[in-house]
Amino acid sequence: TQLKEHPNYDEFWKSRGIIQHLENIEPAVMTVGG
């Protein structure tokens, strides 16, 4: 239902993104990907 009701990048999707909150991070971080 959410996929159908939010076809555009509206506040529903924006609020669920974590990237925009990644500032003033203190722990050590090792990001891994393929």
Full PDB file with SEQRES, HELIX, SHEET, SSBOND, CRYST1, ORIGX, SCALE, CONECT and MASTER records, all heavy atoms in Angstrom:
SEQRES   1 A   34  THR GLN LEU LYS GLU HIS PRO ASN TYR ASP GLU PHE TRP          
SEQRES   2 A   34  LYS SER ARG GLY ILE ILE GLN HIS LEU GLU ASN ILE GLU          
SEQRES   3 A   34  PRO ALA VAL MET THR VAL GLY GLY                              
HELIX    1 AA1 GLN A    2  GLU A    5  1                                   4    
HELIX    2 AA2 GLU A   11  ARG A   16  1                                   6    
HELIX    3 AA3 ILE A   19  HIS A   21  5                                   3    
CRYST1    1.000    1.000    1.000  90.00  90.00  90.00 P 1           1          
ORIGX1      1.000000  0.000000  0.000000        0.00000                         
ORIGX2      0.000000  1.000000  0.000000        0.00000                         
ORIGX3      0.000000  0.000000  1.000000        0.00000                         
SCALE1      1.000000  0.000000  0.000000        0.00000                         
SCALE2      0.000000  1.000000  0.000000        0.00000                         
SCALE3      0.000000  0.000000  1.000000        0.00000                         
ATOM      1  N   THR A   1       0.839  -1.209   0.000  1.00  0.00           N  
ATOM      2  CA  THR A   1       0.000   0.000   0.000  1.00  0.00           C  
ATOM      3  C   THR A   1       0.867   1.249   0.000  1.00  0.00           C  
ATOM      4  O   THR A   1       0.594   2.222  -0.719  1.00  0.00           O  
ATOM      5  CB  THR A   1      -0.925  -0.004   1.235  1.00  0.00           C  
ATOM      6  OG1 THR A   1      -1.748  -1.172   1.190  1.00  0.00           O  
ATOM      7  CG2 THR A   1      -1.804   1.237   1.250  1.00  0.00           C  
ATOM      8  N   GLN A   2       1.938   1.249   0.792  1.00  0.00           N  
ATOM      9  CA  GLN A   2       2.832   2.405   0.856  1.00  0.00           C  
ATOM     10  C   GLN A   2       3.534   2.652  -0.478  1.00  0.00           C  
ATOM     11  O   GLN A   2       3.665   3.802  -0.920  1.00  0.00           O  
ATOM     12  CB  GLN A   2       3.866   2.193   1.965  1.00  0.00           C  
ATOM     13  CG  GLN A   2       3.275   2.231   3.363  1.00  0.00           C  
ATOM     14  CD  GLN A   2       4.198   1.631   4.413  1.00  0.00           C  
ATOM     15  OE1 GLN A   2       5.212   0.996   4.078  1.00  0.00           O  
ATOM     16  NE2 GLN A   2       3.856   1.798   5.680  1.00  0.00           N  
ATOM     17  N   LEU A   3       3.974   1.585  -1.128  1.00  0.00           N  
ATOM     18  CA  LEU A   3       4.620   1.733  -2.430  1.00  0.00           C  
ATOM     19  C   LEU A   3       3.681   2.394  -3.431  1.00  0.00           C  
ATOM     20  O   LEU A   3       4.090   3.270  -4.212  1.00  0.00           O  
ATOM     21  CB  LEU A   3       5.054   0.361  -2.950  1.00  0.00           C  
ATOM     22  CG  LEU A   3       6.268  -0.287  -2.277  1.00  0.00           C  
ATOM     23  CD1 LEU A   3       6.351  -1.765  -2.642  1.00  0.00           C  
ATOM     24  CD2 LEU A   3       7.553   0.427  -2.675  1.00  0.00           C  
ATOM     25  N   LYS A   4       2.415   1.997  -3.422  1.00  0.00           N  
ATOM     26  CA  LYS A   4       1.441   2.542  -4.370  1.00  0.00           C  
ATOM     27  C   LYS A   4       1.064   3.984  -4.040  1.00  0.00           C  
ATOM     28  O   LYS A   4       0.859   4.805  -4.938  1.00  0.00           O  
ATOM     29  CB  LYS A   4       0.192   1.667  -4.390  1.00  0.00           C  
ATOM     30  CG  LYS A   4       0.426   0.266  -4.948  1.00  0.00           C  
ATOM     31  CD  LYS A   4      -0.880  -0.490  -5.128  1.00  0.00           C  
ATOM     32  CE  LYS A   4      -1.589  -0.713  -3.812  1.00  0.00           C  
ATOM     33  NZ  LYS A   4      -2.868  -1.432  -3.981  1.00  0.00           N  
ATOM     34  N   GLU A   5       0.964   4.284  -2.746  1.00  0.00           N  
ATOM     35  CA  GLU A   5       0.517   5.616  -2.338  1.00  0.00           C  
ATOM     36  C   GLU A   5       1.619   6.663  -2.386  1.00  0.00           C  
ATOM     37  O   GLU A   5       1.337   7.862  -2.335  1.00  0.00           O  
ATOM     38  CB  GLU A   5      -0.065   5.546  -0.928  1.00  0.00           C  
ATOM     39  CG  GLU A   5      -1.387   4.778  -0.846  1.00  0.00           C  
ATOM     40  CD  GLU A   5      -1.941   4.727   0.560  1.00  0.00           C  
ATOM     41  OE1 GLU A   5      -1.207   5.109   1.508  1.00  0.00           O  
ATOM     42  OE2 GLU A   5      -3.107   4.298   0.726  1.00  0.00           O  
ATOM     43  N   HIS A   6       2.862   6.218  -2.499  1.00  0.00           N  
ATOM     44  CA  HIS A   6       3.989   7.156  -2.489  1.00  0.00           C  
ATOM     45  C   HIS A   6       4.920   6.880  -3.668  1.00  0.00           C  
ATOM     46  O   HIS A   6       6.059   6.434  -3.486  1.00  0.00           O  
ATOM     47  CB  HIS A   6       4.740   7.050  -1.160  1.00  0.00           C  
ATOM     48  CG  HIS A   6       3.884   7.313   0.040  1.00  0.00           C  
ATOM     49  ND1 HIS A   6       3.586   8.594   0.471  1.00  0.00           N  
ATOM     50  CD2 HIS A   6       3.243   6.458   0.877  1.00  0.00           C  
ATOM     51  CE1 HIS A   6       2.808   8.514   1.545  1.00  0.00           C  
ATOM     52  NE2 HIS A   6       2.586   7.234   1.803  1.00  0.00           N  
ATOM     53  N   PRO A   7       4.455   7.138  -4.902  1.00  0.00           N  
ATOM     54  CA  PRO A   7       5.287   6.851  -6.074  1.00  0.00           C  
ATOM     55  C   PRO A   7       6.434   7.838  -6.253  1.00  0.00           C  
ATOM     56  O   PRO A   7       7.373   7.552  -6.997  1.00  0.00           O  
ATOM     57  CB  PRO A   7       4.290   6.960  -7.237  1.00  0.00           C  
ATOM     58  CG  PRO A   7       3.271   7.950  -6.740  1.00  0.00           C  
ATOM     59  CD  PRO A   7       3.124   7.670  -5.272  1.00  0.00           C  
ATOM     60  N   ASN A   8       6.349   9.003  -5.584  1.00  0.00           N  
ATOM     61  CA  ASN A   8       7.378  10.033  -5.701  1.00  0.00           C  
ATOM     62  C   ASN A   8       8.177  10.123  -4.405  1.00  0.00           C  
ATOM     63  O   ASN A   8       7.787   9.578  -3.371  1.00  0.00           O  
ATOM     64  CB  ASN A   8       6.739  11.390  -6.011  1.00  0.00           C  
ATOM     65  CG  ASN A   8       5.837  11.330  -7.234  1.00  0.00           C  
ATOM     66  OD1 ASN A   8       6.114  10.581  -8.185  1.00  0.00           O  
ATOM     67  ND2 ASN A   8       4.775  12.100  -7.223  1.00  0.00           N  
ATOM     68  N   TYR A   9       9.277  10.849  -4.460  1.00  0.00           N  
ATOM     69  CA  TYR A   9      10.142  11.001  -3.287  1.00  0.00           C  
ATOM     70  C   TYR A   9       9.557  12.079  -2.381  1.00  0.00           C  
ATOM     71  O   TYR A   9      10.043  13.194  -2.301  1.00  0.00           O  
ATOM     72  CB  TYR A   9      11.553  11.358  -3.725  1.00  0.00           C  
ATOM     73  CG  TYR A   9      12.608  11.202  -2.650  1.00  0.00           C  
ATOM     74  CD1 TYR A   9      12.687  10.043  -1.890  1.00  0.00           C  
ATOM     75  CD2 TYR A   9      13.542  12.203  -2.417  1.00  0.00           C  
ATOM     76  CE1 TYR A   9      13.656   9.887  -0.917  1.00  0.00           C  
ATOM     77  CE2 TYR A   9      14.523  12.054  -1.446  1.00  0.00           C  
ATOM     78  CZ  TYR A   9      14.574  10.898  -0.694  1.00  0.00           C  
ATOM     79  OH  TYR A   9      15.544  10.754   0.277  1.00  0.00           O  
ATOM     80  N   ASP A  10       8.503  11.681  -1.656  1.00  0.00           N  
ATOM     81  CA  ASP A  10       7.812  12.616  -0.765  1.00  0.00           C  
ATOM     82  C   ASP A  10       8.330  12.455   0.660  1.00  0.00           C  
ATOM     83  O   ASP A  10       9.306  11.745   0.917  1.00  0.00           O  
ATOM     84  CB  ASP A  10       6.299  12.404  -0.842  1.00  0.00           C  
ATOM     85  CG  ASP A  10       5.876  10.974  -0.479  1.00  0.00           C  
ATOM     86  OD1 ASP A  10       6.708  10.214   0.058  1.00  0.00           O  
ATOM     87  OD2 ASP A  10       4.715  10.617  -0.746  1.00  0.00           O  
ATOM     88  N   GLU A  11       7.668  13.106   1.600  1.00  0.00           N  
ATOM     89  CA  GLU A  11       8.130  13.086   2.985  1.00  0.00           C  
ATOM     90  C   GLU A  11       8.126  11.684   3.570  1.00  0.00           C  
ATOM     91  O   GLU A  11       8.927  11.368   4.465  1.00  0.00           O  
ATOM     92  CB  GLU A  11       7.268  14.027   3.837  1.00  0.00           C  
ATOM     93  CG  GLU A  11       7.788  14.253   5.249  1.00  0.00           C  
ATOM     94  CD  GLU A  11       9.207  14.790   5.278  1.00  0.00           C  
ATOM     95  OE1 GLU A  11       9.594  15.551   4.357  1.00  0.00           O  
ATOM     96  OE2 GLU A  11       9.953  14.456   6.219  1.00  0.00           O  
ATOM     97  N   PHE A  12       7.238  10.827   3.078  1.00  0.00           N  
ATOM     98  CA  PHE A  12       7.202   9.450   3.569  1.00  0.00           C  
ATOM     99  C   PHE A  12       8.550   8.781   3.369  1.00  0.00           C  
ATOM    100  O   PHE A  12       9.101   8.163   4.296  1.00  0.00           O  
ATOM    101  CB  PHE A  12       6.107   8.662   2.844  1.00  0.00           C  
ATOM    102  CG  PHE A  12       6.081   7.200   3.195  1.00  0.00           C  
ATOM    103  CD1 PHE A  12       5.420   6.764   4.336  1.00  0.00           C  
ATOM    104  CD2 PHE A  12       6.722   6.255   2.400  1.00  0.00           C  
ATOM    105  CE1 PHE A  12       5.398   5.409   4.679  1.00  0.00           C  
ATOM    106  CE2 PHE A  12       6.707   4.910   2.726  1.00  0.00           C  
ATOM    107  CZ  PHE A  12       6.041   4.491   3.867  1.00  0.00           C  
ATOM    108  N   TRP A  13       9.124   8.869   2.164  1.00  0.00           N  
ATOM    109  CA  TRP A  13      10.413   8.254   1.879  1.00  0.00           C  
ATOM    110  C   TRP A  13      11.552   9.054   2.486  1.00  0.00           C  
ATOM    111  O   TRP A  13      12.506   8.481   3.037  1.00  0.00           O  
ATOM    112  CB  TRP A  13      10.623   8.121   0.368  1.00  0.00           C  
ATOM    113  CG  TRP A  13       9.645   7.208  -0.305  1.00  0.00           C  
ATOM    114  CD1 TRP A  13       8.697   7.549  -1.217  1.00  0.00           C  
ATOM    115  CD2 TRP A  13       9.509   5.790  -0.113  1.00  0.00           C  
ATOM    116  NE1 TRP A  13       7.979   6.449  -1.611  1.00  0.00           N  
ATOM    117  CE2 TRP A  13       8.451   5.357  -0.946  1.00  0.00           C  
ATOM    118  CE3 TRP A  13      10.166   4.858   0.684  1.00  0.00           C  
ATOM    119  CZ2 TRP A  13       8.062   4.023  -1.009  1.00  0.00           C  
ATOM    120  CZ3 TRP A  13       9.768   3.537   0.624  1.00  0.00           C  
ATOM    121  CH2 TRP A  13       8.732   3.116  -0.214  1.00  0.00           C  
ATOM    122  N   LYS A  14      11.488  10.366   2.372  1.00  0.00           N  
ATOM    123  CA  LYS A  14      12.581  11.192   2.883  1.00  0.00           C  
ATOM    124  C   LYS A  14      12.799  10.964   4.372  1.00  0.00           C  
ATOM    125  O   LYS A  14      13.937  10.899   4.841  1.00  0.00           O  
ATOM    126  CB  LYS A  14      12.278  12.673   2.622  1.00  0.00           C  
ATOM    127  CG  LYS A  14      12.326  13.075   1.161  1.00  0.00           C  
ATOM    128  CD  LYS A  14      11.948  14.540   0.986  1.00  0.00           C  
ATOM    129  CE  LYS A  14      11.941  14.937  -0.473  1.00  0.00           C  
ATOM    130  NZ  LYS A  14      11.520  16.350  -0.675  1.00  0.00           N  
ATOM    131  N   SER A  15      11.719  10.861   5.134  1.00  0.00           N  
ATOM    132  CA  SER A  15      11.844  10.706   6.581  1.00  0.00           C  
ATOM    133  C   SER A  15      12.458   9.358   6.949  1.00  0.00           C  
ATOM    134  O   SER A  15      13.061   9.221   8.021  1.00  0.00           O  
ATOM    135  CB  SER A  15      10.467  10.844   7.246  1.00  0.00           C  
ATOM    136  OG  SER A  15       9.614   9.761   6.903  1.00  0.00           O  
ATOM    137  N   ARG A  16      12.307   8.369   6.065  1.00  0.00           N  
ATOM    138  CA  ARG A  16      12.832   7.040   6.365  1.00  0.00           C  
ATOM    139  C   ARG A  16      14.280   6.860   5.932  1.00  0.00           C  
ATOM    140  O   ARG A  16      14.925   5.870   6.296  1.00  0.00           O  
ATOM    141  CB  ARG A  16      11.952   5.978   5.701  1.00  0.00           C  
ATOM    142  CG  ARG A  16      10.678   5.715   6.480  1.00  0.00           C  
ATOM    143  CD  ARG A  16       9.595   5.046   5.674  1.00  0.00           C  
ATOM    144  NE  ARG A  16       8.543   4.548   6.548  1.00  0.00           N  
ATOM    145  CZ  ARG A  16       7.660   5.326   7.179  1.00  0.00           C  
ATOM    146  NH1 ARG A  16       7.704   6.643   7.010  1.00  0.00           N  
ATOM    147  NH2 ARG A  16       6.734   4.799   7.976  1.00  0.00           N  
ATOM    148  N   GLY A  17      14.794   7.776   5.162  1.00  0.00           N  
ATOM    149  CA  GLY A  17      16.205   7.722   4.786  1.00  0.00           C  
ATOM    150  C   GLY A  17      17.084   8.016   5.994  1.00  0.00           C  
ATOM    151  O   GLY A  17      16.768   8.884   6.807  1.00  0.00           O  
ATOM    152  N   ILE A  18      18.200   7.313   6.099  1.00  0.00           N  
ATOM    153  CA  ILE A  18      19.104   7.504   7.229  1.00  0.00           C  
ATOM    154  C   ILE A  18      20.292   8.393   6.865  1.00  0.00           C  
ATOM    155  O   ILE A  18      20.926   8.999   7.739  1.00  0.00           O  
ATOM    156  CB  ILE A  18      19.595   6.130   7.744  1.00  0.00           C  
ATOM    157  CG1 ILE A  18      20.160   6.241   9.162  1.00  0.00           C  
ATOM    158  CG2 ILE A  18      20.613   5.513   6.802  1.00  0.00           C  
ATOM    159  CD1 ILE A  18      19.141   6.410  10.227  1.00  0.00           C  
ATOM    160  N   ILE A  19      20.582   8.513   5.573  1.00  0.00           N  
ATOM    161  CA  ILE A  19      21.796   9.199   5.120  1.00  0.00           C  
ATOM    162  C   ILE A  19      21.858  10.647   5.607  1.00  0.00           C  
ATOM    163  O   ILE A  19      22.903  11.128   6.057  1.00  0.00           O  
ATOM    164  CB  ILE A  19      21.893   9.164   3.578  1.00  0.00           C  
ATOM    165  CG1 ILE A  19      21.919   7.708   3.069  1.00  0.00           C  
ATOM    166  CG2 ILE A  19      23.120   9.921   3.099  1.00  0.00           C  
ATOM    167  CD1 ILE A  19      23.088   6.892   3.540  1.00  0.00           C  
ATOM    168  N   GLN A  20      20.732  11.357   5.537  1.00  0.00           N  
ATOM    169  CA  GLN A  20      20.743  12.785   5.863  1.00  0.00           C  
ATOM    170  C   GLN A  20      21.041  13.067   7.326  1.00  0.00           C  
ATOM    171  O   GLN A  20      21.359  14.197   7.691  1.00  0.00           O  
ATOM    172  CB  GLN A  20      19.403  13.441   5.478  1.00  0.00           C  
ATOM    173  CG  GLN A  20      18.196  12.953   6.261  1.00  0.00           C  
ATOM    174  CD  GLN A  20      17.461  11.831   5.565  1.00  0.00           C  
ATOM    175  OE1 GLN A  20      18.084  11.039   4.863  1.00  0.00           O  
ATOM    176  NE2 GLN A  20      16.155  11.752   5.745  1.00  0.00           N  
ATOM    177  N   HIS A  21      20.960  12.051   8.176  1.00  0.00           N  
ATOM    178  CA  HIS A  21      21.186  12.241   9.615  1.00  0.00           C  
ATOM    179  C   HIS A  21      22.616  11.925  10.039  1.00  0.00           C  
ATOM    180  O   HIS A  21      22.942  12.058  11.227  1.00  0.00           O  
ATOM    181  CB  HIS A  21      20.215  11.362  10.404  1.00  0.00           C  
ATOM    182  CG  HIS A  21      18.776  11.674  10.146  1.00  0.00           C  
ATOM    183  ND1 HIS A  21      18.196  12.885  10.481  1.00  0.00           N  
ATOM    184  CD2 HIS A  21      17.795  10.935   9.567  1.00  0.00           C  
ATOM    185  CE1 HIS A  21      16.925  12.876  10.122  1.00  0.00           C  
ATOM    186  NE2 HIS A  21      16.651  11.702   9.566  1.00  0.00           N  
ATOM    187  N   LEU A  22      23.466  11.530   9.106  1.00  0.00           N  
ATOM    188  CA  LEU A  22      24.811  11.070   9.467  1.00  0.00           C  
ATOM    189  C   LEU A  22      25.780  12.237   9.596  1.00  0.00           C  
ATOM    190  O   LEU A  22      26.618  12.498   8.724  1.00  0.00           O  
ATOM    191  CB  LEU A  22      25.305  10.044   8.432  1.00  0.00           C  
ATOM    192  CG  LEU A  22      24.455   8.775   8.339  1.00  0.00           C  
ATOM    193  CD1 LEU A  22      25.001   7.851   7.260  1.00  0.00           C  
ATOM    194  CD2 LEU A  22      24.392   8.053   9.682  1.00  0.00           C  
ATOM    195  N   GLU A  23      25.684  12.931  10.703  1.00  0.00           N  
ATOM    196  CA  GLU A  23      26.593  14.041  10.988  1.00  0.00           C  
ATOM    197  C   GLU A  23      26.996  14.004  12.458  1.00  0.00           C  
ATOM    198  O   GLU A  23      26.281  13.470  13.304  1.00  0.00           O  
ATOM    199  CB  GLU A  23      25.936  15.374  10.659  1.00  0.00           C  
ATOM    200  CG  GLU A  23      24.646  15.645  11.395  1.00  0.00           C  
ATOM    201  CD  GLU A  23      23.993  16.941  10.940  1.00  0.00           C  
ATOM    202  OE1 GLU A  23      24.589  17.635  10.092  1.00  0.00           O  
ATOM    203  OE2 GLU A  23      22.901  17.248  11.431  1.00  0.00           O  
ATOM    204  N   ASN A  24      28.186  14.523  12.736  1.00  0.00           N  
ATOM    205  CA  ASN A  24      28.734  14.541  14.098  1.00  0.00           C  
ATOM    206  C   ASN A  24      28.762  13.144  14.718  1.00  0.00           C  
ATOM    207  O   ASN A  24      28.482  12.958  15.903  1.00  0.00           O  
ATOM    208  CB  ASN A  24      27.943  15.504  14.982  1.00  0.00           C  
ATOM    209  CG  ASN A  24      27.955  16.926  14.454  1.00  0.00           C  
ATOM    210  OD1 ASN A  24      28.988  17.400  13.977  1.00  0.00           O  
ATOM    211  ND2 ASN A  24      26.824  17.601  14.508  1.00  0.00           N  
ATOM    212  N   ILE A  25      29.103  12.170  13.891  1.00  0.00           N  
ATOM    213  CA  ILE A  25      29.211  10.788  14.355  1.00  0.00           C  
ATOM    214  C   ILE A  25      30.504  10.632  15.160  1.00  0.00           C  
ATOM    215  O   ILE A  25      31.561  11.101  14.744  1.00  0.00           O  
ATOM    216  CB  ILE A  25      29.201   9.810  13.161  1.00  0.00           C  
ATOM    217  CG1 ILE A  25      27.896   9.972  12.352  1.00  0.00           C  
ATOM    218  CG2 ILE A  25      29.383   8.385  13.622  1.00  0.00           C  
ATOM    219  CD1 ILE A  25      26.633   9.720  13.119  1.00  0.00           C  
ATOM    220  N   GLU A  26      30.430   9.945  16.299  1.00  0.00           N  
ATOM    221  CA  GLU A  26      31.607   9.783  17.157  1.00  0.00           C  
ATOM    222  C   GLU A  26      32.224   8.385  17.133  1.00  0.00           C  
ATOM    223  O   GLU A  26      33.446   8.261  17.151  1.00  0.00           O  
ATOM    224  CB  GLU A  26      31.263  10.187  18.590  1.00  0.00           C  
ATOM    225  CG  GLU A  26      30.924  11.670  18.714  1.00  0.00           C  
ATOM    226  CD  GLU A  26      30.694  12.107  20.151  1.00  0.00           C  
ATOM    227  OE1 GLU A  26      30.847  11.266  21.061  1.00  0.00           O  
ATOM    228  OE2 GLU A  26      30.369  13.287  20.363  1.00  0.00           O  
ATOM    229  N   PRO A  27      31.444   7.287  17.136  1.00  0.00           N  
ATOM    230  CA  PRO A  27      32.083   5.965  17.087  1.00  0.00           C  
ATOM    231  C   PRO A  27      32.883   5.766  15.798  1.00  0.00           C  
ATOM    232  O   PRO A  27      32.624   6.403  14.767  1.00  0.00           O  
ATOM    233  CB  PRO A  27      30.893   5.001  17.145  1.00  0.00           C  
ATOM    234  CG  PRO A  27      29.778   5.786  17.744  1.00  0.00           C  
ATOM    235  CD  PRO A  27      29.974   7.185  17.256  1.00  0.00           C  
ATOM    236  N   ALA A  28      33.871   4.867  15.851  1.00  0.00           N  
ATOM    237  CA  ALA A  28      34.607   4.491  14.648  1.00  0.00           C  
ATOM    238  C   ALA A  28      33.681   3.722  13.712  1.00  0.00           C  
ATOM    239  O   ALA A  28      32.855   2.926  14.162  1.00  0.00           O  
ATOM    240  CB  ALA A  28      35.810   3.636  15.021  1.00  0.00           C  
ATOM    241  N   VAL A  29      33.836   3.961  12.411  1.00  0.00           N  
ATOM    242  CA  VAL A  29      32.955   3.332  11.430  1.00  0.00           C  
ATOM    243  C   VAL A  29      33.779   2.700  10.309  1.00  0.00           C  
ATOM    244  O   VAL A  29      34.696   3.324   9.768  1.00  0.00           O  
ATOM    245  CB  VAL A  29      31.968   4.353  10.821  1.00  0.00           C  
ATOM    246  CG1 VAL A  29      31.043   3.669   9.811  1.00  0.00           C  
ATOM    247  CG2 VAL A  29      31.148   5.042  11.907  1.00  0.00           C  
ATOM    248  N   MET A  30      33.443   1.472   9.977  1.00  0.00           N  
ATOM    249  CA  MET A  30      33.987   0.815   8.792  1.00  0.00           C  
ATOM    250  C   MET A  30      32.809   0.349   7.946  1.00  0.00           C  
ATOM    251  O   MET A  30      32.121  -0.614   8.281  1.00  0.00           O  
ATOM    252  CB  MET A  30      34.869  -0.381   9.148  1.00  0.00           C  
ATOM    253  CG  MET A  30      35.465  -1.056   7.903  1.00  0.00           C  
ATOM    254  SD  MET A  30      36.557  -2.454   8.278  1.00  0.00           S  
ATOM    255  CE  MET A  30      35.367  -3.651   8.866  1.00  0.00           C  
ATOM    256  N   THR A  31      32.548   1.047   6.844  1.00  0.00           N  
ATOM    257  CA  THR A  31      31.463   0.690   5.938  1.00  0.00           C  
ATOM    258  C   THR A  31      31.988  -0.315   4.910  1.00  0.00           C  
ATOM    259  O   THR A  31      33.075  -0.134   4.355  1.00  0.00           O  
ATOM    260  CB  THR A  31      30.911   1.940   5.235  1.00  0.00           C  
ATOM    261  OG1 THR A  31      30.529   2.901   6.213  1.00  0.00           O  
ATOM    262  CG2 THR A  31      29.712   1.593   4.372  1.00  0.00           C  
ATOM    263  N   VAL A  32      31.207  -1.357   4.662  1.00  0.00           N  
ATOM    264  CA  VAL A  32      31.642  -2.441   3.781  1.00  0.00           C  
ATOM    265  C   VAL A  32      30.593  -2.667   2.694  1.00  0.00           C  
ATOM    266  O   VAL A  32      29.388  -2.607   2.968  1.00  0.00           O  
ATOM    267  CB  VAL A  32      31.854  -3.746   4.572  1.00  0.00           C  
ATOM    268  CG1 VAL A  32      32.323  -4.868   3.651  1.00  0.00           C  
ATOM    269  CG2 VAL A  32      32.866  -3.525   5.702  1.00  0.00           C  
ATOM    270  N   GLY A  33      31.052  -2.923   1.486  1.00  0.00           N  
ATOM    271  CA  GLY A  33      30.118  -3.203   0.410  1.00  0.00           C  
ATOM    272  C   GLY A  33      30.731  -4.077  -0.665  1.00  0.00           C  
ATOM    273  O   GLY A  33      31.944  -4.332  -0.681  1.00  0.00           O  
ATOM    274  N   GLY A  34      29.895  -4.540  -1.564  1.00  0.00           N  
ATOM    275  CA  GLY A  34      30.334  -5.342  -2.701  1.00  0.00           C  
ATOM    276  C   GLY A  34      30.203  -4.546  -3.984  1.00  0.00           C  
ATOM    277  O   GLY A  34      29.155  -3.934  -4.242  1.00  0.00           O  
TER     278      GLY A  34                                                      
MASTER        0    0    0    3    0    0    0    6  277    1    0    3          
END                                                                             
